[in-house]
Amino acid sequence: MPALISFALSAYLAFLNLQVTEHPTKITLLNWATVLFVVGAFFIAAWIVMWIIRLGSEKME
């Protein structure tokens, strides 16, 4: 859920940024690349944390 919220927020911020900028093409690509990178990093980090927690709970049993 937090990843979804952060994705929506970053997409919204990128959208606002696109409306303000005067050179859409280059900055648009840069913004979306940044947004996708940040969101991807969030998802990967969350997946790794969940995997570690699951591994830890299996070892405890």
Protein backbone atom coordinates (compact mmCIF):
# COMPACT_ATOMS: atom_id res chain seq x y z
CA MET A 1 0.00 0.00 0.00
CA PRO A 2 2.70 2.59 0.83
CA ALA A 3 4.38 1.81 -2.50
CA LEU A 4 1.10 2.54 -4.28
CA ILE A 5 0.72 5.85 -2.43
CA SER A 6 4.30 6.88 -3.21
CA PHE A 7 3.77 5.93 -6.86
CA ALA A 8 0.62 8.05 -7.08
CA LEU A 9 2.34 10.98 -5.37
CA SER A 10 5.45 10.84 -7.57
CA ALA A 11 3.34 10.50 -10.72
CA TYR A 12 1.27 13.52 -9.65
CA LEU A 13 4.40 15.57 -8.91
CA ALA A 14 5.86 14.62 -12.28
CA PHE A 15 2.58 15.64 -13.94
CA LEU A 16 2.67 19.03 -12.20
CA ASN A 17 6.29 19.45 -13.22
CA LEU A 18 5.40 18.70 -16.86
CA GLN A 19 2.76 21.42 -16.90
CA VAL A 20 5.23 24.03 -15.64
CA THR A 21 8.21 23.23 -17.86
CA GLU A 22 8.80 24.85 -21.23
CA HIS A 23 10.88 22.06 -22.81
CA PRO A 24 8.50 19.11 -22.50
CA THR A 25 10.26 16.32 -24.41
CA LYS A 26 13.63 16.07 -22.67
CA ILE A 27 12.35 16.89 -19.17
CA THR A 28 9.31 14.64 -19.60
CA LEU A 29 11.52 11.65 -20.32
CA LEU A 30 13.83 12.55 -17.45
CA ASN A 31 10.91 12.94 -15.04
CA TRP A 32 9.29 9.66 -15.98
CA ALA A 33 12.64 7.85 -15.85
CA THR A 34 13.19 9.25 -12.36
CA VAL A 35 9.66 8.35 -11.25
CA LEU A 36 9.96 4.81 -12.60
CA PHE A 37 13.38 4.38 -10.99
CA VAL A 38 12.14 5.57 -7.59
CA VAL A 39 9.01 3.43 -7.75
CA GLY A 40 11.02 0.42 -8.90
CA ALA A 41 13.48 0.92 -6.06
CA PHE A 42 10.58 1.10 -3.58
CA PHE A 43 9.06 -2.12 -4.91
CA ILE A 44 12.39 -3.98 -4.88
CA ALA A 45 13.19 -2.77 -1.36
CA ALA A 46 9.73 -3.79 -0.10
CA TRP A 47 10.04 -7.21 -1.78
CA ILE A 48 13.48 -7.80 -0.23
CA VAL A 49 12.23 -6.78 3.23
CA MET A 50 9.21 -9.09 2.92
CA TRP A 51 11.46 -11.93 1.74
CA ILE A 52 13.84 -11.44 4.69
CA ILE A 53 10.91 -11.36 7.15
CA ARG A 54 9.46 -14.55 5.64
CA LEU A 55 12.85 -16.24 5.77
CA GLY A 56 13.31 -15.18 9.39
CA SER A 57 9.87 -16.44 10.42
CA GLU A 58 10.54 -19.81 8.74
CA LYS A 59 13.82 -20.21 10.64
CA MET A 60 12.14 -19.42 13.97
CA GLU A 61 9.64 -22.27 13.64
